[in-house]
């Protein structure tokens, strides 16, 4: 069955099957310009949280246990995990971590140990490290920037205002019963 000829771009026409259905053809023309000065739905710009680049002295790794057949035994951390933890616990922005953040970091240490020992969990480790802000790219996404400490900050030993009033001191010895 011969239908009507197709309509040109940007107009309303009929389908080529002749059933009388209306087809809307997209407009032709130049692509939109890169000038986005008229765009009103821009994302808001958030300021960076500036952290003095002073290493933090975070907690040591807690004891690690293995459970075989209901028997608990303490096992040593792999050497690469101990080196990794030394870098994690000294990141300057860690001074703002809550006990929950430290628990997450301890869990990530277990993932790191599993990755080192068994070669498993690379994707999970990478995702967890990103959430903890271990790389420049991760800190940039979190809007954290390390800045050179001022003289006043050096004199005060890195003293700065706390992130929130609900942040409490983290004491791993009290939480885990270790001497860390």
N, C-alpha and C. Protein backbone atom coordinates (compact mmCIF):
# COMPACT_ATOMS: atom_id res chain seq x y z
N UNK A 1 0.85 -1.18 0.00
CA UNK A 1 0.00 0.00 0.00
C UNK A 1 0.89 1.22 0.00
N UNK A 2 0.60 2.09 -0.83
CA UNK A 2 1.41 3.30 -0.95
C UNK A 2 0.95 4.32 0.06
N UNK A 3 1.85 4.72 0.90
CA UNK A 3 1.53 5.73 1.89
C UNK A 3 1.97 7.10 1.42
N UNK A 4 1.78 8.02 2.26
CA UNK A 4 2.23 9.37 1.94
C UNK A 4 3.73 9.44 2.05
N UNK A 5 4.36 10.31 1.35
CA UNK A 5 5.81 10.45 1.49
C UNK A 5 6.15 10.96 2.88
N UNK A 6 7.32 10.56 3.33
CA UNK A 6 7.78 10.98 4.65
C UNK A 6 7.95 12.47 4.74
N UNK A 7 7.62 13.00 5.91
CA UNK A 7 7.76 14.44 6.10
C UNK A 7 9.21 14.81 6.30
N UNK A 8 9.54 16.04 6.04
CA UNK A 8 10.92 16.48 6.23
C UNK A 8 11.19 16.68 7.72
N UNK A 9 12.46 16.81 8.07
CA UNK A 9 12.88 16.93 9.47
C UNK A 9 12.21 18.11 10.14
N UNK A 10 11.76 17.89 11.36
CA UNK A 10 11.19 18.96 12.15
C UNK A 10 9.72 19.17 11.91
N UNK A 11 9.11 18.30 11.17
CA UNK A 11 7.69 18.46 10.89
C UNK A 11 6.96 17.20 11.32
N UNK A 12 5.66 17.29 11.33
CA UNK A 12 4.82 16.15 11.65
C UNK A 12 4.39 15.52 10.34
N UNK A 13 4.49 14.21 10.24
CA UNK A 13 4.10 13.54 9.00
C UNK A 13 3.37 12.26 9.31
N UNK A 14 3.10 11.48 8.29
CA UNK A 14 2.41 10.21 8.44
C UNK A 14 3.40 9.08 8.25
N UNK A 15 3.09 7.93 8.82
CA UNK A 15 3.98 6.78 8.67
C UNK A 15 3.95 6.28 7.24
N UNK A 16 4.99 5.59 6.85
CA UNK A 16 5.08 5.11 5.49
C UNK A 16 4.17 3.92 5.24
N UNK A 17 3.62 3.32 6.30
CA UNK A 17 2.73 2.18 6.12
C UNK A 17 1.36 2.62 5.67
N UNK A 18 1.06 3.87 5.77
CA UNK A 18 -0.24 4.39 5.32
C UNK A 18 -1.35 4.15 6.31
N UNK A 19 -1.05 3.76 7.54
CA UNK A 19 -2.09 3.49 8.53
C UNK A 19 -2.58 4.75 9.20
N UNK A 20 -2.05 5.87 8.85
CA UNK A 20 -2.52 7.12 9.41
C UNK A 20 -1.88 7.51 10.72
N UNK A 21 -0.83 6.77 11.16
CA UNK A 21 -0.14 7.13 12.40
C UNK A 21 0.72 8.36 12.16
N UNK A 22 0.80 9.20 13.18
CA UNK A 22 1.59 10.42 13.08
C UNK A 22 3.00 10.13 13.56
N UNK A 23 4.00 10.57 12.82
CA UNK A 23 5.39 10.41 13.17
C UNK A 23 6.01 11.78 13.33
N UNK A 24 6.70 12.00 14.44
CA UNK A 24 7.38 13.27 14.65
C UNK A 24 8.86 13.03 14.36
N UNK A 25 9.40 13.77 13.44
CA UNK A 25 10.80 13.64 13.05
C UNK A 25 11.58 14.73 13.76
N UNK A 26 12.73 14.39 14.37
CA UNK A 26 13.49 15.43 15.10
C UNK A 26 13.96 16.54 14.18
N UNK A 27 14.12 17.71 14.76
CA UNK A 27 14.58 18.85 13.99
C UNK A 27 16.02 18.66 13.56
N UNK A 28 16.31 19.16 12.41
CA UNK A 28 17.70 19.16 11.97
C UNK A 28 18.27 20.54 12.26
N UNK A 29 19.55 20.65 12.15
CA UNK A 29 20.17 21.95 12.39
C UNK A 29 21.48 21.79 13.10
N UNK A 30 22.10 22.89 13.46
CA UNK A 30 23.41 22.82 14.10
C UNK A 30 23.30 22.25 15.52
N UNK A 31 24.38 21.65 15.97
CA UNK A 31 24.44 21.13 17.34
C UNK A 31 24.42 22.30 18.31
N UNK A 32 23.97 22.06 19.53
CA UNK A 32 24.02 23.12 20.54
C UNK A 32 25.46 23.58 20.77
N UNK A 33 25.62 24.84 21.06
CA UNK A 33 26.97 25.38 21.27
C UNK A 33 27.49 24.97 22.63
N UNK A 34 28.78 25.10 22.81
CA UNK A 34 29.42 24.79 24.09
C UNK A 34 29.28 25.93 25.08
N UNK A 35 28.76 27.07 24.65
CA UNK A 35 28.55 28.20 25.55
C UNK A 35 27.40 27.85 26.48
N UNK A 36 27.73 27.57 27.73
CA UNK A 36 26.71 27.14 28.68
C UNK A 36 26.34 28.27 29.64
N UNK A 37 26.54 29.51 29.21
CA UNK A 37 26.25 30.63 30.11
C UNK A 37 24.76 30.77 30.39
N UNK A 38 23.92 30.26 29.52
CA UNK A 38 22.48 30.37 29.72
C UNK A 38 21.90 29.18 30.48
N UNK A 39 22.70 28.16 30.75
CA UNK A 39 22.19 26.98 31.43
C UNK A 39 21.93 27.32 32.89
N UNK A 40 20.76 26.98 33.36
CA UNK A 40 20.38 27.35 34.73
C UNK A 40 20.40 26.17 35.70
N UNK A 41 20.71 24.98 35.22
CA UNK A 41 20.70 23.82 36.10
C UNK A 41 22.11 23.34 36.42
N UNK A 42 23.02 24.25 36.62
CA UNK A 42 24.39 23.89 36.98
C UNK A 42 24.44 23.33 38.38
N UNK A 43 25.39 22.44 38.60
CA UNK A 43 25.59 21.90 39.95
C UNK A 43 26.24 22.97 40.82
N UNK A 44 25.85 23.03 42.08
CA UNK A 44 26.47 24.03 42.96
C UNK A 44 27.94 23.70 43.19
N UNK A 45 28.72 24.73 43.40
CA UNK A 45 30.15 24.56 43.65
C UNK A 45 30.35 24.51 45.16
N UNK A 46 30.98 23.43 45.63
CA UNK A 46 31.24 23.28 47.06
C UNK A 46 32.71 23.58 47.32
N UNK A 47 32.96 24.21 48.43
CA UNK A 47 34.33 24.56 48.80
C UNK A 47 35.07 23.32 49.29
N UNK A 48 36.39 23.36 49.16
CA UNK A 48 37.22 22.28 49.68
C UNK A 48 37.39 22.45 51.18
N UNK A 49 37.49 21.33 51.88
CA UNK A 49 37.80 21.33 53.29
C UNK A 49 39.32 21.28 53.40
N UNK A 50 39.93 22.35 53.87
CA UNK A 50 41.38 22.44 53.92
C UNK A 50 41.89 21.84 55.22
N UNK A 51 42.73 20.82 55.09
CA UNK A 51 43.30 20.12 56.24
C UNK A 51 44.80 20.39 56.27
N UNK A 52 45.35 20.85 57.40
CA UNK A 52 46.80 21.04 57.47
C UNK A 52 47.52 19.72 57.22
N UNK A 53 48.55 19.77 56.40
CA UNK A 53 49.29 18.57 56.03
C UNK A 53 50.26 18.18 57.15
N UNK A 54 49.69 17.76 58.26
CA UNK A 54 50.43 17.32 59.43
C UNK A 54 50.05 15.87 59.68
N UNK A 55 51.00 14.94 59.65
CA UNK A 55 50.65 13.52 59.86
C UNK A 55 49.92 13.31 61.18
N UNK A 56 48.94 12.44 61.14
CA UNK A 56 48.15 12.10 62.32
C UNK A 56 48.68 10.80 62.91
N UNK A 57 48.64 10.67 64.21
CA UNK A 57 49.11 9.45 64.87
C UNK A 57 47.89 8.63 65.28
N UNK A 58 47.39 7.83 64.34
CA UNK A 58 46.21 7.02 64.59
C UNK A 58 46.55 5.74 65.34
N UNK A 59 45.53 4.93 65.62
CA UNK A 59 45.74 3.71 66.40
C UNK A 59 46.51 2.64 65.62
N UNK A 60 47.14 1.76 66.36
CA UNK A 60 47.82 0.60 65.78
C UNK A 60 46.76 -0.41 65.34
N UNK A 61 47.17 -1.35 64.52
CA UNK A 61 46.25 -2.42 64.12
C UNK A 61 45.90 -3.27 65.34
N UNK A 62 44.63 -3.65 65.49
CA UNK A 62 44.28 -4.55 66.60
C UNK A 62 44.74 -5.98 66.27
N UNK A 63 44.64 -6.84 67.24
CA UNK A 63 45.01 -8.24 67.03
C UNK A 63 44.09 -8.85 65.98
N UNK A 64 44.63 -9.80 65.25
CA UNK A 64 43.87 -10.48 64.18
C UNK A 64 43.73 -11.95 64.56
N UNK A 65 42.52 -12.48 64.41
CA UNK A 65 42.25 -13.85 64.83
C UNK A 65 41.73 -14.68 63.68
N UNK A 66 41.98 -15.97 63.77
CA UNK A 66 41.46 -16.94 62.82
C UNK A 66 40.61 -17.93 63.60
N UNK A 67 39.53 -18.37 63.02
CA UNK A 67 38.63 -19.32 63.67
C UNK A 67 38.58 -20.59 62.83
N UNK A 68 39.25 -21.64 63.31
CA UNK A 68 39.28 -22.92 62.62
C UNK A 68 38.60 -23.96 63.50
N UNK A 69 37.47 -24.47 63.04
CA UNK A 69 36.77 -25.51 63.80
C UNK A 69 36.33 -25.06 65.17
N UNK A 70 35.98 -23.80 65.31
CA UNK A 70 35.54 -23.27 66.59
C UNK A 70 36.67 -22.89 67.53
N UNK A 71 37.91 -23.07 67.07
CA UNK A 71 39.07 -22.71 67.89
C UNK A 71 39.61 -21.38 67.41
N UNK A 72 39.74 -20.46 68.35
CA UNK A 72 40.24 -19.13 68.04
C UNK A 72 41.75 -19.09 68.25
N UNK A 73 42.47 -18.58 67.23
CA UNK A 73 43.91 -18.42 67.41
C UNK A 73 44.33 -17.10 66.78
N UNK A 74 45.28 -16.46 67.41
CA UNK A 74 45.77 -15.17 66.91
C UNK A 74 46.75 -15.41 65.78
N UNK A 75 46.62 -14.63 64.72
CA UNK A 75 47.53 -14.74 63.59
C UNK A 75 48.14 -13.37 63.32
N UNK A 76 49.29 -13.37 62.71
CA UNK A 76 50.03 -12.13 62.45
C UNK A 76 49.48 -11.45 61.19
N UNK A 77 49.60 -10.15 61.15
CA UNK A 77 49.25 -9.38 59.96
C UNK A 77 50.36 -9.55 58.92
N UNK A 78 50.01 -9.60 57.63
CA UNK A 78 51.06 -9.63 56.60
C UNK A 78 51.87 -8.33 56.62
N UNK A 79 53.15 -8.43 56.29
CA UNK A 79 54.03 -7.26 56.31
C UNK A 79 53.51 -6.15 55.39
N UNK A 80 53.03 -6.45 54.16
CA UNK A 80 52.50 -5.35 53.33
C UNK A 80 51.30 -4.65 53.97
N UNK A 81 50.49 -5.39 54.72
CA UNK A 81 49.33 -4.77 55.39
C UNK A 81 49.80 -3.86 56.52
N UNK A 82 50.84 -4.26 57.22
CA UNK A 82 51.38 -3.41 58.30
C UNK A 82 51.93 -2.11 57.70
N UNK A 83 52.66 -2.21 56.58
CA UNK A 83 53.16 -1.00 55.91
C UNK A 83 52.00 -0.13 55.44
N UNK A 84 50.98 -0.75 54.84
CA UNK A 84 49.80 -0.03 54.35
C UNK A 84 49.11 0.69 55.50
N UNK A 85 48.96 0.00 56.63
CA UNK A 85 48.28 0.60 57.78
C UNK A 85 49.06 1.81 58.30
N UNK A 86 50.39 1.73 58.25
CA UNK A 86 51.20 2.88 58.68
C UNK A 86 50.87 4.13 57.87
N UNK A 87 50.61 3.97 56.59
CA UNK A 87 50.23 5.10 55.75
C UNK A 87 48.80 5.55 56.04
N UNK A 88 47.90 4.59 56.26
CA UNK A 88 46.49 4.93 56.51
C UNK A 88 46.36 5.71 57.82
N UNK A 89 46.97 5.21 58.88
CA UNK A 89 46.77 5.82 60.20
C UNK A 89 47.43 7.19 60.33
N UNK A 90 48.30 7.55 59.37
CA UNK A 90 48.97 8.84 59.46
C UNK A 90 48.42 9.89 58.48
N UNK A 91 47.36 9.55 57.75
CA UNK A 91 46.79 10.54 56.83
C UNK A 91 46.25 11.72 57.64
N UNK A 92 46.54 12.95 57.24
CA UNK A 92 46.12 14.11 58.02
C UNK A 92 44.62 14.23 58.26
N UNK A 93 43.81 13.81 57.30
CA UNK A 93 42.36 13.96 57.50
C UNK A 93 41.79 12.92 58.45
N UNK A 94 42.60 11.95 58.88
CA UNK A 94 42.12 10.93 59.82
C UNK A 94 41.80 11.51 61.20
N UNK A 95 42.34 12.68 61.50
CA UNK A 95 42.06 13.28 62.80
C UNK A 95 40.57 13.61 62.95
N UNK A 96 39.83 13.62 61.85
CA UNK A 96 38.39 13.89 61.89
C UNK A 96 37.55 12.63 61.85
N UNK A 97 38.18 11.48 61.83
CA UNK A 97 37.42 10.23 61.78
C UNK A 97 36.77 9.94 63.12
N UNK A 98 35.60 9.34 63.04
CA UNK A 98 34.86 8.91 64.23
C UNK A 98 35.21 7.46 64.52
N UNK A 99 34.80 6.92 65.66
CA UNK A 99 35.05 5.49 65.91
C UNK A 99 34.48 4.58 64.81
N UNK A 100 33.36 4.95 64.24
CA UNK A 100 32.80 4.17 63.14
C UNK A 100 33.70 4.18 61.91
N UNK A 101 34.33 5.32 61.65
CA UNK A 101 35.27 5.40 60.53
C UNK A 101 36.48 4.52 60.77
N UNK A 102 36.96 4.49 62.02
CA UNK A 102 38.10 3.64 62.34
C UNK A 102 37.72 2.16 62.23
N UNK A 103 36.50 1.80 62.62
CA UNK A 103 36.04 0.42 62.46
C UNK A 103 36.05 0.03 60.99
N UNK A 104 35.60 0.95 60.14
CA UNK A 104 35.61 0.70 58.70
C UNK A 104 37.05 0.52 58.21
N UNK A 105 37.96 1.32 58.73
CA UNK A 105 39.37 1.20 58.34
C UNK A 105 39.95 -0.13 58.80
N UNK A 106 39.58 -0.59 60.02
CA UNK A 106 40.06 -1.89 60.49
C UNK A 106 39.52 -3.01 59.60
N UNK A 107 38.25 -2.90 59.20
CA UNK A 107 37.68 -3.87 58.28
C UNK A 107 38.39 -3.86 56.93
N UNK A 108 38.78 -2.68 56.50
CA UNK A 108 39.52 -2.56 55.24
C UNK A 108 40.90 -3.18 55.37
N UNK A 109 41.49 -3.12 56.56
CA UNK A 109 42.78 -3.78 56.78
C UNK A 109 42.63 -5.29 56.63
N UNK A 110 41.51 -5.84 57.08
CA UNK A 110 41.27 -7.27 56.89
C UNK A 110 41.13 -7.60 55.41
N UNK A 111 40.46 -6.74 54.66
CA UNK A 111 40.34 -6.95 53.21
C UNK A 111 41.71 -6.86 52.57
N UNK A 112 42.53 -5.91 53.01
CA UNK A 112 43.89 -5.77 52.48
C UNK A 112 44.70 -7.05 52.76
N UNK A 113 44.60 -7.58 53.97
CA UNK A 113 45.33 -8.79 54.32
C UNK A 113 44.87 -9.96 53.45
N UNK A 114 43.56 -10.07 53.23
CA UNK A 114 43.04 -11.14 52.37
C UNK A 114 43.54 -10.98 50.94
N UNK A 115 43.62 -9.74 50.49
CA UNK A 115 44.12 -9.47 49.13
C UNK A 115 45.58 -9.86 49.02
N UNK A 116 46.36 -9.53 50.03
CA UNK A 116 47.79 -9.84 50.00
C UNK A 116 48.01 -11.35 50.09
N UNK A 117 47.29 -12.02 50.98
CA UNK A 117 47.52 -13.44 51.22
C UNK A 117 46.92 -14.36 50.15
N UNK A 118 45.72 -14.02 49.70
CA UNK A 118 45.01 -14.94 48.80
C UNK A 118 44.80 -14.39 47.39
N UNK A 119 45.12 -13.12 47.18
CA UNK A 119 44.90 -12.54 45.86
C UNK A 119 43.43 -12.30 45.54
N UNK A 120 42.61 -12.13 46.57
CA UNK A 120 41.17 -11.92 46.40
C UNK A 120 40.77 -10.55 46.91
N UNK A 121 39.72 -9.99 46.36
CA UNK A 121 39.14 -8.76 46.89
C UNK A 121 39.76 -7.48 46.39
N UNK A 122 40.38 -7.49 45.21
CA UNK A 122 41.01 -6.27 44.70
C UNK A 122 40.00 -5.16 44.48
N UNK A 123 38.85 -5.48 43.90
CA UNK A 123 37.84 -4.45 43.62
C UNK A 123 37.28 -3.87 44.91
N UNK A 124 37.01 -4.74 45.88
CA UNK A 124 36.49 -4.25 47.15
C UNK A 124 37.51 -3.38 47.86
N UNK A 125 38.77 -3.78 47.83
CA UNK A 125 39.83 -2.99 48.47
C UNK A 125 39.94 -1.62 47.80
N UNK A 126 39.90 -1.60 46.49
CA UNK A 126 40.00 -0.33 45.76
C UNK A 126 38.83 0.59 46.12
N UNK A 127 37.61 0.03 46.18
CA UNK A 127 36.44 0.85 46.53
C UNK A 127 36.53 1.37 47.97
N UNK A 128 36.97 0.52 48.89
CA UNK A 128 37.09 0.95 50.29
C UNK A 128 38.17 2.02 50.46
N UNK A 129 39.30 1.84 49.76
CA UNK A 129 40.36 2.84 49.86
C UNK A 129 39.89 4.18 49.32
N UNK A 130 39.08 4.17 48.27
CA UNK A 130 38.54 5.41 47.73
C UNK A 130 37.65 6.11 48.76
N UNK A 131 36.82 5.34 49.45
CA UNK A 131 35.94 5.94 50.47
C UNK A 131 36.73 6.50 51.65
N UNK A 132 37.91 5.95 51.89
CA UNK A 132 38.74 6.42 52.99
C UNK A 132 39.61 7.60 52.59
N UNK A 133 39.68 7.92 51.31
CA UNK A 133 40.47 9.07 50.86
C UNK A 133 41.96 8.80 50.85
N UNK A 134 42.38 7.63 50.36
CA UNK A 134 43.80 7.29 50.38
C UNK A 134 44.59 7.92 49.25
N UNK A 135 43.95 8.34 48.18
CA UNK A 135 44.67 8.92 47.04
C UNK A 135 44.24 10.37 46.84
N UNK A 136 45.03 11.08 46.06
CA UNK A 136 44.69 12.47 45.76
C UNK A 136 43.34 12.54 45.06
N UNK A 137 43.10 11.65 44.13
CA UNK A 137 41.84 11.64 43.40
C UNK A 137 40.66 11.40 44.33
N UNK A 138 40.81 10.48 45.26
CA UNK A 138 39.74 10.19 46.21
C UNK A 138 39.48 11.38 47.12
N UNK A 139 40.54 12.02 47.59
CA UNK A 139 40.37 13.21 48.45
C UNK A 139 39.74 14.36 47.65
N UNK A 140 40.11 14.49 46.40
CA UNK A 140 39.53 15.53 45.55
C UNK A 140 38.02 15.30 45.41
N UNK A 141 37.60 14.06 45.21
CA UNK A 141 36.18 13.74 45.12
C UNK A 141 35.46 14.03 46.43
N UNK A 142 36.17 13.88 47.55
CA UNK A 142 35.59 14.15 48.87
C UNK A 142 35.70 15.62 49.25
N UNK A 143 36.29 16.43 48.37
CA UNK A 143 36.49 17.86 48.58
C UNK A 143 37.41 18.12 49.78
N UNK A 144 38.47 17.30 49.88
CA UNK A 144 39.48 17.47 50.93
C UNK A 144 40.78 17.89 50.26
N UNK A 145 41.40 18.92 50.81
CA UNK A 145 42.68 19.39 50.26
C UNK A 145 43.66 19.57 51.40
N UNK A 146 44.84 18.96 51.25
CA UNK A 146 45.91 19.16 52.23
C UNK A 146 46.60 20.47 51.90
N UNK A 147 46.79 21.29 52.93
CA UNK A 147 47.46 22.58 52.76
C UNK A 147 48.66 22.63 53.69
N UNK A 148 49.62 23.45 53.32
CA UNK A 148 50.79 23.63 54.17
C UNK A 148 50.34 24.19 55.52
N UNK A 149 50.82 23.61 56.60
CA UNK A 149 50.39 24.09 57.91
C UNK A 149 50.95 25.49 58.18
N UNK A 150 50.15 26.30 58.82
CA UNK A 150 50.60 27.64 59.19
C UNK A 150 51.48 27.56 60.44
N UNK A 151 52.14 28.64 60.75
CA UNK A 151 52.99 28.66 61.94
C UNK A 151 52.17 28.39 63.20
N UNK A 152 50.98 28.95 63.28
CA UNK A 152 50.14 28.75 64.46
C UNK A 152 49.75 27.28 64.58
N UNK A 153 49.46 26.65 63.47
CA UNK A 153 49.09 25.24 63.51
C UNK A 153 50.27 24.41 63.95
N UNK A 154 51.48 24.74 63.49
CA UNK A 154 52.68 24.01 63.91
C UNK A 154 52.91 24.16 65.42
N UNK A 155 52.72 25.40 65.93
CA UNK A 155 52.94 25.64 67.35
C UNK A 155 51.94 24.87 68.20
N UNK A 156 50.70 24.81 67.73
CA UNK A 156 49.65 24.14 68.49
C UNK A 156 49.66 22.63 68.30
N UNK A 157 50.57 22.12 67.51
CA UNK A 157 50.62 20.68 67.29
C UNK A 157 49.51 20.20 66.38
N UNK A 158 49.15 21.00 65.39
CA UNK A 158 48.10 20.59 64.45
C UNK A 158 46.70 20.88 64.96
N UNK A 159 46.61 21.71 66.02
CA UNK A 159 45.29 22.00 66.58
C UNK A 159 44.43 22.78 65.62
N UNK A 160 43.26 22.29 65.36
CA UNK A 160 42.30 22.99 64.53
C UNK A 160 40.92 22.69 65.08
N UNK A 161 39.94 23.39 64.58
CA UNK A 161 38.60 23.17 65.09
C UNK A 161 38.12 21.77 64.71
N UNK A 162 37.39 21.10 65.60
CA UNK A 162 36.90 19.77 65.27
C UNK A 162 35.84 19.84 64.17
N UNK A 163 35.68 18.74 63.46
CA UNK A 163 34.73 18.69 62.35
C UNK A 163 33.30 18.84 62.86
N UNK A 164 32.98 18.26 63.99
CA UNK A 164 31.64 18.34 64.53
C UNK A 164 31.71 18.20 66.05
N UNK A 165 30.66 18.64 66.72
CA UNK A 165 30.68 18.56 68.17
C UNK A 165 30.40 17.16 68.67
N UNK A 166 29.94 16.26 67.79
CA UNK A 166 29.63 14.91 68.24
C UNK A 166 30.79 13.93 68.03
N UNK A 167 31.96 14.43 67.65
CA UNK A 167 33.12 13.57 67.45
C UNK A 167 33.73 13.26 68.82
N UNK A 168 33.95 11.97 69.07
CA UNK A 168 34.52 11.57 70.36
C UNK A 168 35.91 10.99 70.12
N UNK A 169 36.72 10.98 71.15
CA UNK A 169 38.05 10.41 71.06
C UNK A 169 37.95 8.90 70.88
N UNK A 170 38.83 8.36 70.07
CA UNK A 170 38.84 6.94 69.81
C UNK A 170 39.95 6.29 70.62
N UNK A 171 39.59 5.32 71.45
CA UNK A 171 40.56 4.62 72.27
C UNK A 171 40.48 3.13 71.96
N UNK A 172 41.39 2.62 71.09
CA UNK A 172 41.30 1.20 70.72
C UNK A 172 41.55 0.26 71.89
N UNK A 173 42.32 0.70 72.87
CA UNK A 173 42.58 -0.15 74.04
C UNK A 173 41.28 -0.42 74.79
N UNK A 174 40.46 0.60 74.92
CA UNK A 174 39.19 0.43 75.62
C UNK A 174 38.22 -0.39 74.79
N UNK A 175 38.28 -0.23 73.47
CA UNK A 175 37.33 -0.92 72.60
C UNK A 175 37.70 -2.38 72.40
N UNK A 176 38.99 -2.67 72.26
CA UNK A 176 39.42 -4.02 71.94
C UNK A 176 40.14 -4.73 73.07
N UNK A 177 40.43 -4.00 74.13
CA UNK A 177 41.13 -4.61 75.24
C UNK A 177 42.58 -4.93 74.94
N UNK A 178 43.18 -4.12 74.00
CA UNK A 178 44.58 -4.34 73.65
C UNK A 178 45.40 -3.16 74.15
N UNK A 179 46.67 -3.27 74.05
CA UNK A 179 47.55 -2.20 74.48
C UNK A 179 47.87 -1.24 73.37
N UNK A 180 47.10 -1.26 72.26
CA UNK A 180 47.38 -0.40 71.10
C UNK A 180 47.09 1.03 71.40
